PDB file of N, CA and C in Angstrom:
ATOM      1  N   MET A   1       0.826  -0.975  -0.059  1.00  0.00           N
ATOM      2  CA  MET A   1      -0.024   0.048   0.035  1.00  0.00           C
ATOM      3  C   MET A   1       1.116   1.187  -0.139  1.00  0.00           C
ATOM      4  N   HIS A   2       0.366   2.473  -0.474  1.00  0.00           N
ATOM      5  CA  HIS A   2       0.988   3.594  -0.554  1.00  0.00           C
ATOM      6  C   HIS A   2       0.190   4.547   0.035  1.00  0.00           C
ATOM      7  N   ILE A   3       0.561   4.817   1.410  1.00  0.00           N
ATOM      8  CA  ILE A   3      -0.086   5.677   2.353  1.00  0.00           C
ATOM      9  C   ILE A   3       0.469   7.178   2.587  1.00  0.00           C
ATOM     10  N   THR A   4      -0.214   8.376   2.198  1.00  0.00           N
ATOM     11  CA  THR A   4       0.451   9.427   2.603  1.00  0.00           C
ATOM     12  C   THR A   4      -0.745  10.276   3.418  1.00  0.00           C
ATOM     13  N   HIS A   5      -0.417  11.025   4.281  1.00  0.00           N
ATOM     14  CA  HIS A   5      -0.961  11.879   5.080  1.00  0.00           C
ATOM     15  C   HIS A   5      -0.614  13.510   4.720  1.00  0.00           C
ATOM     16  N   VAL A   6      -1.378  14.205   4.128  1.00  0.00           N
ATOM     17  CA  VAL A   6      -1.203  15.498   3.773  1.00  0.00           C
ATOM     18  C   VAL A   6      -1.550  16.489   4.634  1.00  0.00           C
ATOM     19  N   HIS A   7      -0.744  17.162   5.410  1.00  0.00           N
ATOM     20  CA  HIS A   7      -1.042  18.132   6.106  1.00  0.00           C
ATOM     21  C   HIS A   7      -1.263  19.607   5.751  1.00  0.00           C
ATOM     22  N   VAL A   8      -2.299  20.093   6.019  1.00  0.00           N
ATOM     23  CA  VAL A   8      -2.730  21.495   5.216  1.00  0.00           C
ATOM     24  C   VAL A   8      -3.002  22.467   6.296  1.00  0.00           C
ATOM     25  N   GLN A   9      -2.439  23.792   5.944  1.00  0.00           N
ATOM     26  CA  GLN A   9      -3.156  24.737   6.724  1.00  0.00           C
ATOM     27  C   GLN A   9      -3.575  25.860   5.878  1.00  0.00           C
ATOM     28  N   VAL A  10      -5.019  26.028   5.702  1.00  0.00           N
ATOM     29  CA  VAL A  10      -5.580  27.164   5.128  1.00  0.00           C
ATOM     30  C   VAL A  10      -5.978  28.385   5.485  1.00  0.00           C
ATOM     31  N   LYS A  11      -5.698  29.497   4.895  1.00  0.00           N
ATOM     32  CA  LYS A  11      -6.035  30.850   4.947  1.00  0.00           C
ATOM     33  C   LYS A  11      -7.538  30.966   5.675  1.00  0.00           C
ATOM     34  N   PRO A  12      -7.614  31.304   6.664  1.00  0.00           N
ATOM     35  CA  PRO A  12      -9.183  31.628   7.180  1.00  0.00           C
ATOM     36  C   PRO A  12     -10.184  31.766   6.173  1.00  0.00           C
ATOM     37  N   GLU A  13      -9.670  33.145   5.546  1.00  0.00           N
ATOM     38  CA  GLU A  13     -10.903  33.549   4.583  1.00  0.00           C
ATOM     39  C   GLU A  13     -10.985  32.665   3.345  1.00  0.00           C
ATOM     40  N   ARG A  14     -10.185  31.643   3.171  1.00  0.00           N
ATOM     41  CA  ARG A  14     -10.508  30.788   1.980  1.00  0.00           C
ATOM     42  C   ARG A  14     -10.860  29.103   2.562  1.00  0.00           C
ATOM     43  N   LEU A  15     -11.415  29.299   3.781  1.00  0.00           N
ATOM     44  CA  LEU A  15     -11.680  27.789   4.511  1.00  0.00           C
ATOM     45  C   LEU A  15     -12.773  27.117   3.915  1.00  0.00           C
ATOM     46  N   GLU A  16     -14.120  27.995   3.384  1.00  0.00           N
ATOM     47  CA  GLU A  16     -14.894  27.274   2.778  1.00  0.00           C
ATOM     48  C   GLU A  16     -14.724  26.629   1.421  1.00  0.00           C
ATOM     49  N   ALA A  17     -14.120  27.845   0.610  1.00  0.00           N
ATOM     50  CA  ALA A  17     -13.754  27.140  -0.765  1.00  0.00           C
ATOM     51  C   ALA A  17     -12.666  26.163  -0.686  1.00  0.00           C
ATOM     52  N   PHE A  18     -11.823  26.092   0.067  1.00  0.00           N
ATOM     53  CA  PHE A  18     -10.859  25.029   0.274  1.00  0.00           C
ATOM     54  C   PHE A  18     -11.596  23.634   0.404  1.00  0.00           C
ATOM     55  N   MET A  19     -12.682  23.670   1.540  1.00  0.00           N
ATOM     56  CA  MET A  19     -13.458  22.354   1.699  1.00  0.00           C
ATOM     57  C   MET A  19     -14.379  21.998   0.598  1.00  0.00           C
ATOM     58  N   ALA A  20     -14.991  22.991   0.000  1.00  0.00           N
ATOM     59  CA  ALA A  20     -15.493  22.573  -1.356  1.00  0.00           C
ATOM     60  C   ALA A  20     -14.768  22.053  -2.664  1.00  0.00           C
ATOM     61  N   ALA A  21     -13.394  22.665  -2.568  1.00  0.00           N
ATOM     62  CA  ALA A  21     -12.537  22.211  -3.800  1.00  0.00           C
ATOM     63  C   ALA A  21     -11.950  20.733  -3.118  1.00  0.00           C
ATOM     64  N   THR A  22     -11.652  20.511  -2.153  1.00  0.00           N
ATOM     65  CA  THR A  22     -11.118  19.369  -1.476  1.00  0.00           C
ATOM     66  C   THR A  22     -12.116  18.175  -1.756  1.00  0.00           C
ATOM     67  N   LEU A  23     -13.303  18.340  -1.291  1.00  0.00           N
ATOM     68  CA  LEU A  23     -14.261  17.392  -1.274  1.00  0.00           C
ATOM     69  C   LEU A  23     -14.554  16.912  -2.547  1.00  0.00           C
ATOM     70  N   ALA A  24     -14.625  17.954  -3.609  1.00  0.00           N
ATOM     71  CA  ALA A  24     -14.816  17.655  -5.158  1.00  0.00           C
ATOM     72  C   ALA A  24     -13.709  16.700  -5.543  1.00  0.00           C
ATOM     73  N   ASN A  25     -12.403  17.126  -5.347  1.00  0.00           N
ATOM     74  CA  ASN A  25     -11.214  16.327  -5.460  1.00  0.00           C
ATOM     75  C   ASN A  25     -11.515  14.938  -4.714  1.00  0.00           C
ATOM     76  N   ARG A  26     -11.763  14.890  -3.611  1.00  0.00           N
ATOM     77  CA  ARG A  26     -11.867  13.332  -2.798  1.00  0.00           C
ATOM     78  C   ARG A  26     -13.062  12.514  -3.608  1.00  0.00           C
ATOM     79  N   GLU A  27     -14.215  13.210  -4.064  1.00  0.00           N
ATOM     80  CA  GLU A  27     -15.214  12.479  -4.745  1.00  0.00           C
ATOM     81  C   GLU A  27     -14.830  11.620  -5.914  1.00  0.00           C
ATOM     82  N   ASP A  28     -13.735  12.577  -6.906  1.00  0.00           N
ATOM     83  CA  ASP A  28     -13.406  11.972  -7.845  1.00  0.00           C
ATOM     84  C   ASP A  28     -12.177  10.900  -7.546  1.00  0.00           C
ATOM     85  N   ALA A  29     -11.609  11.231  -6.539  1.00  0.00           N
ATOM     86  CA  ALA A  29     -10.242  10.338  -6.280  1.00  0.00           C
ATOM     87  C   ALA A  29     -10.706   9.015  -5.864  1.00  0.00           C
ATOM     88  N   VAL A  30     -11.753   8.865  -5.032  1.00  0.00           N
ATOM     89  CA  VAL A  30     -12.403   7.531  -4.406  1.00  0.00           C
ATOM     90  C   VAL A  30     -12.709   6.450  -6.005  1.00  0.00           C
ATOM     91  N   ARG A  31     -13.152   7.356  -6.817  1.00  0.00           N
ATOM     92  CA  ARG A  31     -13.495   6.299  -7.896  1.00  0.00           C
ATOM     93  C   ARG A  31     -12.366   6.055  -8.849  1.00  0.00           C
ATOM     94  N   GLU A  32     -11.066   6.318  -8.515  1.00  0.00           N
ATOM     95  CA  GLU A  32      -9.827   5.863  -9.379  1.00  0.00           C
ATOM     96  C   GLU A  32      -9.507   4.494  -9.009  1.00  0.00           C
ATOM     97  N   PRO A  33      -9.192   3.700  -9.957  1.00  0.00           N
ATOM     98  CA  PRO A  33      -9.196   2.216  -9.676  1.00  0.00           C
ATOM     99  C   PRO A  33      -7.912   1.768  -8.777  1.00  0.00           C
ATOM    100  N   GLY A  34      -7.205   2.368  -8.542  1.00  0.00           N
ATOM    101  CA  GLY A  34      -6.051   2.229  -7.482  1.00  0.00           C
ATOM    102  C   GLY A  34      -6.474   2.753  -6.093  1.00  0.00           C
ATOM    103  N   ASN A  35      -7.173   3.608  -5.976  1.00  0.00           N
ATOM    104  CA  ASN A  35      -7.699   4.258  -4.435  1.00  0.00           C
ATOM    105  C   ASN A  35      -8.385   3.143  -3.620  1.00  0.00           C
ATOM    106  N   LEU A  36      -7.780   3.191  -2.330  1.00  0.00           N
ATOM    107  CA  LEU A  36      -8.454   2.318  -1.365  1.00  0.00           C
ATOM    108  C   LEU A  36      -9.303   3.235  -0.403  1.00  0.00           C
ATOM    109  N   ARG A  37      -8.642   4.466  -0.185  1.00  0.00           N
ATOM    110  CA  ARG A  37      -9.343   5.097   0.878  1.00  0.00           C
ATOM    111  C   ARG A  37      -8.796   6.790   0.625  1.00  0.00           C
ATOM    112  N   PHE A  38      -9.631   7.536   1.069  1.00  0.00           N
ATOM    113  CA  PHE A  38      -9.371   9.011   0.630  1.00  0.00           C
ATOM    114  C   PHE A  38     -10.139   9.804   1.770  1.00  0.00           C
ATOM    115  N   ASP A  39      -9.594  10.101   3.030  1.00  0.00           N
ATOM    116  CA  ASP A  39     -10.197  10.581   4.092  1.00  0.00           C
ATOM    117  C   ASP A  39      -9.815  12.145   4.125  1.00  0.00           C
ATOM    118  N   VAL A  40     -10.638  13.043   4.606  1.00  0.00           N
ATOM    119  CA  VAL A  40     -10.549  14.484   4.757  1.00  0.00           C
ATOM    120  C   VAL A  40     -10.853  14.627   6.164  1.00  0.00           C
ATOM    121  N   LEU A  41      -9.767  15.150   7.053  1.00  0.00           N
ATOM    122  CA  LEU A  41      -9.945  15.413   8.565  1.00  0.00           C
ATOM    123  C   LEU A  41      -9.476  16.819   8.729  1.00  0.00           C
ATOM    124  N   GLN A  42     -10.647  17.464   9.549  1.00  0.00           N
ATOM    125  CA  GLN A  42     -10.321  18.931   9.940  1.00  0.00           C
ATOM    126  C   GLN A  42      -9.977  18.893  11.181  1.00  0.00           C
ATOM    127  N   SER A  43      -9.213  19.733  11.899  1.00  0.00           N
ATOM    128  CA  SER A  43      -8.877  19.916  13.399  1.00  0.00           C
ATOM    129  C   SER A  43     -10.050  20.416  14.153  1.00  0.00           C
ATOM    130  N   GLU A  44     -10.337  19.770  15.269  1.00  0.00           N
ATOM    131  CA  GLU A  44     -11.423  20.519  16.239  1.00  0.00           C
ATOM    132  C   GLU A  44     -10.898  21.694  16.801  1.00  0.00           C
ATOM    133  N   ASP A  45      -9.668  21.605  17.277  1.00  0.00           N
ATOM    134  CA  ASP A  45      -8.923  22.841  17.835  1.00  0.00           C
ATOM    135  C   ASP A  45      -8.681  23.908  16.984  1.00  0.00           C
ATOM    136  N   ASP A  46      -8.310  23.732  15.718  1.00  0.00           N
ATOM    137  CA  ASP A  46      -8.003  24.901  14.756  1.00  0.00           C
ATOM    138  C   ASP A  46      -8.593  24.380  13.253  1.00  0.00           C
ATOM    139  N   PRO A  47      -9.876  25.014  12.919  1.00  0.00           N
ATOM    140  CA  PRO A  47     -10.540  24.438  11.823  1.00  0.00           C
ATOM    141  C   PRO A  47      -9.870  24.766  10.693  1.00  0.00           C
ATOM    142  N   THR A  48      -8.545  25.627  10.569  1.00  0.00           N
ATOM    143  CA  THR A  48      -7.853  25.860   9.352  1.00  0.00           C
ATOM    144  C   THR A  48      -6.852  24.641   9.020  1.00  0.00           C
ATOM    145  N   ARG A  49      -6.614  23.815   9.921  1.00  0.00           N
ATOM    146  CA  ARG A  49      -5.944  22.679   9.598  1.00  0.00           C
ATOM    147  C   ARG A  49      -6.585  21.381   9.344  1.00  0.00           C
ATOM    148  N   PHE A  50      -5.804  20.796   8.438  1.00  0.00           N
ATOM    149  CA  PHE A  50      -6.387  19.406   7.635  1.00  0.00           C
ATOM    150  C   PHE A  50      -5.364  18.411   7.311  1.00  0.00           C
ATOM    151  N   VAL A  51      -6.050  17.280   7.762  1.00  0.00           N
ATOM    152  CA  VAL A  51      -5.217  16.250   7.228  1.00  0.00           C
ATOM    153  C   VAL A  51      -5.988  15.411   6.189  1.00  0.00           C
ATOM    154  N   LEU A  52      -5.274  15.352   4.732  1.00  0.00           N
ATOM    155  CA  LEU A  52      -5.776  14.252   4.028  1.00  0.00           C
ATOM    156  C   LEU A  52      -5.362  12.901   3.984  1.00  0.00           C
ATOM    157  N   ILE A  53      -5.797  12.044   4.301  1.00  0.00           N
ATOM    158  CA  ILE A  53      -5.348  10.577   4.254  1.00  0.00           C
ATOM    159  C   ILE A  53      -5.563  10.026   2.771  1.00  0.00           C
ATOM    160  N   GLU A  54      -4.468   9.718   2.302  1.00  0.00           N
ATOM    161  CA  GLU A  54      -4.710   9.210   0.820  1.00  0.00           C
ATOM    162  C   GLU A  54      -4.082   7.536   0.926  1.00  0.00           C
ATOM    163  N   ILE A  55      -4.928   6.686   0.371  1.00  0.00           N
ATOM    164  CA  ILE A  55      -4.372   5.364   0.452  1.00  0.00           C
ATOM    165  C   ILE A  55      -4.677   4.870  -0.957  1.00  0.00           C
ATOM    166  N   TYR A  56      -3.469   4.353  -1.610  1.00  0.00           N
ATOM    167  CA  TYR A  56      -3.742   4.023  -2.850  1.00  0.00           C
ATOM    168  C   TYR A  56      -3.147   2.369  -2.693  1.00  0.00           C
ATOM    169  N   ARG A  57      -3.337   1.720  -3.656  1.00  0.00           N
ATOM    170  CA  ARG A  57      -2.748   0.191  -3.762  1.00  0.00           C
ATOM    171  C   ARG A  57      -1.418   0.201  -3.919  1.00  0.00           C
ATOM    172  N   ASP A  58      -0.695   0.961  -4.671  1.00  0.00           N
ATOM    173  CA  ASP A  58       0.743   0.953  -4.836  1.00  0.00           C
ATOM    174  C   ASP A  58       1.127   2.607  -5.243  1.00  0.00           C
ATOM    175  N   ALA A  59       2.724   2.596  -5.280  1.00  0.00           N
ATOM    176  CA  ALA A  59       2.970   3.799  -5.951  1.00  0.00           C
ATOM    177  C   ALA A  59       2.519   4.331  -7.151  1.00  0.00           C
ATOM    178  N   GLU A  60       2.296   3.331  -7.997  1.00  0.00           N
ATOM    179  CA  GLU A  60       1.870   3.695  -9.535  1.00  0.00           C
ATOM    180  C   GLU A  60       0.537   4.266  -9.217  1.00  0.00           C
ATOM    181  N   ALA A  61      -0.570   3.773  -8.590  1.00  0.00           N
ATOM    182  CA  ALA A  61      -1.500   4.182  -8.366  1.00  0.00           C
ATOM    183  C   ALA A  61      -1.533   5.482  -7.886  1.00  0.00           C
ATOM    184  N   ALA A  62      -0.940   5.837  -6.818  1.00  0.00           N
ATOM    185  CA  ALA A  62      -0.777   7.164  -6.378  1.00  0.00           C
ATOM    186  C   ALA A  62      -0.196   8.324  -7.316  1.00  0.00           C
ATOM    187  N   ALA A  63       0.704   7.940  -8.062  1.00  0.00           N
ATOM    188  CA  ALA A  63       1.341   8.673  -9.204  1.00  0.00           C
ATOM    189  C   ALA A  63       0.206   9.123 -10.078  1.00  0.00           C
ATOM    190  N   ALA A  64      -0.505   8.016 -10.452  1.00  0.00           N
ATOM    191  CA  ALA A  64      -1.640   8.392 -11.504  1.00  0.00           C
ATOM    192  C   ALA A  64      -2.232   9.267 -10.886  1.00  0.00           C
ATOM    193  N   HIS A  65      -2.783   9.228  -9.583  1.00  0.00           N
ATOM    194  CA  HIS A  65      -3.925  10.254  -8.943  1.00  0.00           C
ATOM    195  C   HIS A  65      -3.337  11.537  -9.335  1.00  0.00           C
ATOM    196  N   LYS A  66      -1.917  11.836  -9.293  1.00  0.00           N
ATOM    197  CA  LYS A  66      -1.521  13.240  -9.494  1.00  0.00           C
ATOM    198  C   LYS A  66      -1.480  13.639 -11.045  1.00  0.00           C
ATOM    199  N   THR A  67      -1.998  12.781 -11.818  1.00  0.00           N
ATOM    200  CA  THR A  67      -1.853  13.172 -13.266  1.00  0.00           C
ATOM    201  C   THR A  67      -3.407  13.217 -13.706  1.00  0.00           C
ATOM    202  N   THR A  68      -4.150  13.175 -12.769  1.00  0.00           N
ATOM    203  CA  THR A  68      -5.989  13.097 -13.046  1.00  0.00           C
ATOM    204  C   THR A  68      -6.237  14.904 -13.226  1.00  0.00           C
ATOM    205  N   SER A  69      -7.237  15.046 -13.984  1.00  0.00           N
ATOM    206  CA  SER A  69      -7.560  16.307 -14.235  1.00  0.00           C
ATOM    207  C   SER A  69      -8.507  16.840 -12.746  1.00  0.00           C
ATOM    208  N   HIS A  70      -8.990  16.288 -12.081  1.00  0.00           N
ATOM    209  CA  HIS A  70      -9.510  16.422 -10.938  1.00  0.00           C
ATOM    210  C   HIS A  70      -8.203  16.926  -9.736  1.00  0.00           C
ATOM    211  N   TYR A  71      -7.377  16.231  -9.644  1.00  0.00           N
ATOM    212  CA  TYR A  71      -6.367  16.529  -8.850  1.00  0.00           C
ATOM    213  C   TYR A  71      -5.740  17.733  -9.207  1.00  0.00           C
ATOM    214  N   LEU A  72      -5.214  17.707 -10.587  1.00  0.00           N
ATOM    215  CA  LEU A  72      -4.626  19.056 -11.227  1.00  0.00           C
ATOM    216  C   LEU A  72      -5.487  20.433 -10.887  1.00  0.00           C
ATOM    217  N   ALA A  73      -6.574  20.145 -11.053  1.00  0.00           N
ATOM    218  CA  ALA A  73      -7.741  21.327 -10.867  1.00  0.00           C
ATOM    219  C   ALA A  73      -7.816  21.563  -9.530  1.00  0.00           C
ATOM    220  N   TRP A  74      -7.538  20.701  -8.419  1.00  0.00           N
ATOM    221  CA  TRP A  74      -7.650  21.053  -7.183  1.00  0.00           C
ATOM    222  C   TRP A  74      -6.355  21.625  -6.781  1.00  0.00           C
ATOM    223  N   ARG A  75      -5.181  21.169  -7.098  1.00  0.00           N
ATOM    224  CA  ARG A  75      -3.992  21.605  -6.848  1.00  0.00           C
ATOM    225  C   ARG A  75      -3.627  23.261  -7.214  1.00  0.00           C
ATOM    226  N   ASP A  76      -4.103  23.565  -8.293  1.00  0.00           N
ATOM    227  CA  ASP A  76      -4.408  24.674  -8.770  1.00  0.00           C
ATOM    228  C   ASP A  76      -5.104  25.561  -8.219  1.00  0.00           C
ATOM    229  N   ALA A  77      -6.324  25.165  -7.907  1.00  0.00           N
ATOM    230  CA  ALA A  77      -7.314  26.020  -7.021  1.00  0.00           C
ATOM    231  C   ALA A  77      -6.784  26.400  -5.791  1.00  0.00           C
ATOM    232  N   VAL A  78      -6.321  25.444  -4.977  1.00  0.00           N
ATOM    233  CA  VAL A  78      -5.963  25.622  -3.591  1.00  0.00           C
ATOM    234  C   VAL A  78      -4.421  26.417  -3.305  1.00  0.00           C
ATOM    235  N   ALA A  79      -3.782  26.444  -4.222  1.00  0.00           N
ATOM    236  CA  ALA A  79      -2.208  26.701  -4.296  1.00  0.00           C
ATOM    237  C   ALA A  79      -2.226  28.212  -3.470  1.00  0.00           C
ATOM    238  N   ASP A  80      -2.942  29.127  -3.977  1.00  0.00           N
ATOM    239  CA  ASP A  80      -2.943  30.375  -3.099  1.00  0.00           C
ATOM    240  C   ASP A  80      -3.756  30.531  -1.796  1.00  0.00           C
ATOM    241  N   TRP A  81      -4.328  29.509  -1.429  1.00  0.00           N
ATOM    242  CA  TRP A  81      -5.289  29.442  -0.308  1.00  0.00           C
ATOM    243  C   TRP A  81      -4.465  28.780   0.813  1.00  0.00           C
ATOM    244  N   MET A  82      -3.237  28.439   0.579  1.00  0.00           N
ATOM    245  CA  MET A  82      -2.257  27.876   1.907  1.00  0.00           C
ATOM    246  C   MET A  82      -1.719  28.968   2.731  1.00  0.00           C
ATOM    247  N   ALA A  83      -2.060  28.734   4.225  1.00  0.00           N
ATOM    248  CA  ALA A  83      -1.461  29.640   5.181  1.00  0.00           C
ATOM    249  C   ALA A  83       0.323  29.287   5.106  1.00  0.00           C
ATOM    250  N   ALA A  84       0.344  28.119   4.795  1.00  0.00           N
ATOM    251  CA  ALA A  84       1.799  27.372   4.831  1.00  0.00           C
ATOM    252  C   ALA A  84       1.865  26.174   3.866  1.00  0.00           C
ATOM    253  N   PRO A  85       3.077  26.090   3.267  1.00  0.00           N
ATOM    254  CA  PRO A  85       3.159  24.907   2.568  1.00  0.00           C
ATOM    255  C   PRO A  85       2.590  23.782   2.929  1.00  0.00           C
ATOM    256  N   ARG A  86       1.732  22.848   1.831  1.00  0.00           N
ATOM    257  CA  ARG A  86       1.120  21.665   2.409  1.00  0.00           C
ATOM    258  C   ARG A  86       2.501  20.564   2.469  1.00  0.00           C
ATOM    259  N   GLU A  87       2.180  19.547   3.416  1.00  0.00           N
ATOM    260  CA  GLU A  87       3.492  18.657   3.726  1.00  0.00           C
ATOM    261  C   GLU A  87       2.700  17.125   3.784  1.00  0.00           C
ATOM    262  N   GLY A  88       3.393  16.436   2.669  1.00  0.00           N
ATOM    263  CA  GLY A  88       2.938  14.919   2.689  1.00  0.00           C
ATOM    264  C   GLY A  88       3.949  14.222   3.198  1.00  0.00           C
ATOM    265  N   ARG A  89       3.423  13.316   4.075  1.00  0.00           N
ATOM    266  CA  ARG A  89       4.145  12.443   4.881  1.00  0.00           C
ATOM    267  C   ARG A  89       3.707  10.931   4.557  1.00  0.00           C
ATOM    268  N   ARG A  90       4.806  10.079   4.164  1.00  0.00           N
ATOM    269  CA  ARG A  90       4.627   8.728   3.952  1.00  0.00           C
ATOM    270  C   ARG A  90       4.415   7.661   5.123  1.00  0.00           C
ATOM    271  N   TYR A  91       3.659   7.005   5.095  1.00  0.00           N
ATOM    272  CA  TYR A  91       3.387   5.965   6.118  1.00  0.00           C
ATOM    273  C   TYR A  91       3.176   4.435   5.543  1.00  0.00           C
ATOM    274  N   ARG A  92       3.554   3.600   6.391  1.00  0.00           N
ATOM    275  CA  ARG A  92       3.382   2.176   6.094  1.00  0.00           C
ATOM    276  C   ARG A  92       2.430   1.432   7.304  1.00  0.00           C
ATOM    277  N   ALA A  93       1.691   0.489   6.650  1.00  0.00           N
ATOM    278  CA  ALA A  93       0.634  -0.017   7.422  1.00  0.00           C
ATOM    279  C   ALA A  93       1.330  -1.081   8.493  1.00  0.00           C
ATOM    280  N   ILE A  94       1.045  -0.904   9.703  1.00  0.00           N
ATOM    281  CA  ILE A  94       1.489  -1.819  10.711  1.00  0.00           C
ATOM    282  C   ILE A  94       0.340  -2.880  11.090  1.00  0.00           C
ATOM    283  N   ALA A  95      -0.664  -2.277  11.359  1.00  0.00           N
ATOM    284  CA  ALA A  95      -2.075  -3.068  11.886  1.00  0.00           C
ATOM    285  C   ALA A  95      -3.321  -2.078  11.168  1.00  0.00           C
ATOM    286  N   PRO A  96      -4.152  -2.653  10.465  1.00  0.00           N
ATOM    287  CA  PRO A  96      -4.158  -4.144  10.094  1.00  0.00           C
ATOM    288  C   PRO A  96      -2.847  -4.164   9.015  1.00  0.00           C
ATOM    289  N   GLU A  97      -2.386  -5.359   8.995  1.00  0.00           N
ATOM    290  CA  GLU A  97      -1.329  -5.667   8.372  1.00  0.00           C
ATOM    291  C   GLU A  97      -1.792  -5.925   6.924  1.00  0.00           C
ATOM    292  N   ASP A  98      -0.756  -5.247   6.015  1.00  0.00           N
ATOM    293  CA  ASP A  98      -1.095  -5.294   4.414  1.00  0.00           C
ATOM    294  C   ASP A  98      -0.763  -6.866   4.063  1.00  0.00           C
ATOM    295  N   SER A  99      -1.922  -7.474   3.931  1.00  0.00           N
ATOM    296  CA  SER A  99      -1.879  -8.759   3.594  1.00  0.00           C
ATOM    297  C   SER A  99      -2.252  -9.097   2.319  1.00  0.00           C
ATOM    298  N   GLY A 100      -2.511  -8.134   1.468  1.00  0.00           N
ATOM    299  CA  GLY A 100      -2.717  -8.045   0.042  1.00  0.00           C
ATOM    300  C   GLY A 100      -4.264  -8.238   0.105  1.00  0.00           C
ATOM    301  N   ARG A 101      -5.048  -8.107   0.958  1.00  0.00           N
ATOM    302  CA  ARG A 101      -6.694  -8.285   0.949  1.00  0.00           C
ATOM    303  C   ARG A 101      -7.377  -6.981   0.451  1.00  0.00           C
ATOM    304  N   TRP A 102      -6.378  -6.014   0.243  1.00  0.00           N
ATOM    305  CA  TRP A 102      -7.212  -4.655  -0.359  1.00  0.00           C
ATOM    306  C   TRP A 102      -7.324  -4.929  -1.981  1.00  0.00           C
TER     307      TRP A 102
END
């Protein structure tokens, strides 16, 4: 599995637009053949902070996501809405263990 947590801080005045664009991107992303999960989390303590949890079958599926029209539209739309550069962090599954059941 290819697991990435994308940490995002959005400018407060762009919060609603960011959420709309991100949910539209997610809606299309979950239909991609290699997508296993795509969660959008918002901090309870600071509503301008988000974590996008993207889980793809493999690195190739994750790379394919970054070539889709919905991802490219999202990336371009939200670029100026960030209060800080977004940061992607890769993770590996420990439990449940990646046994190929995905």
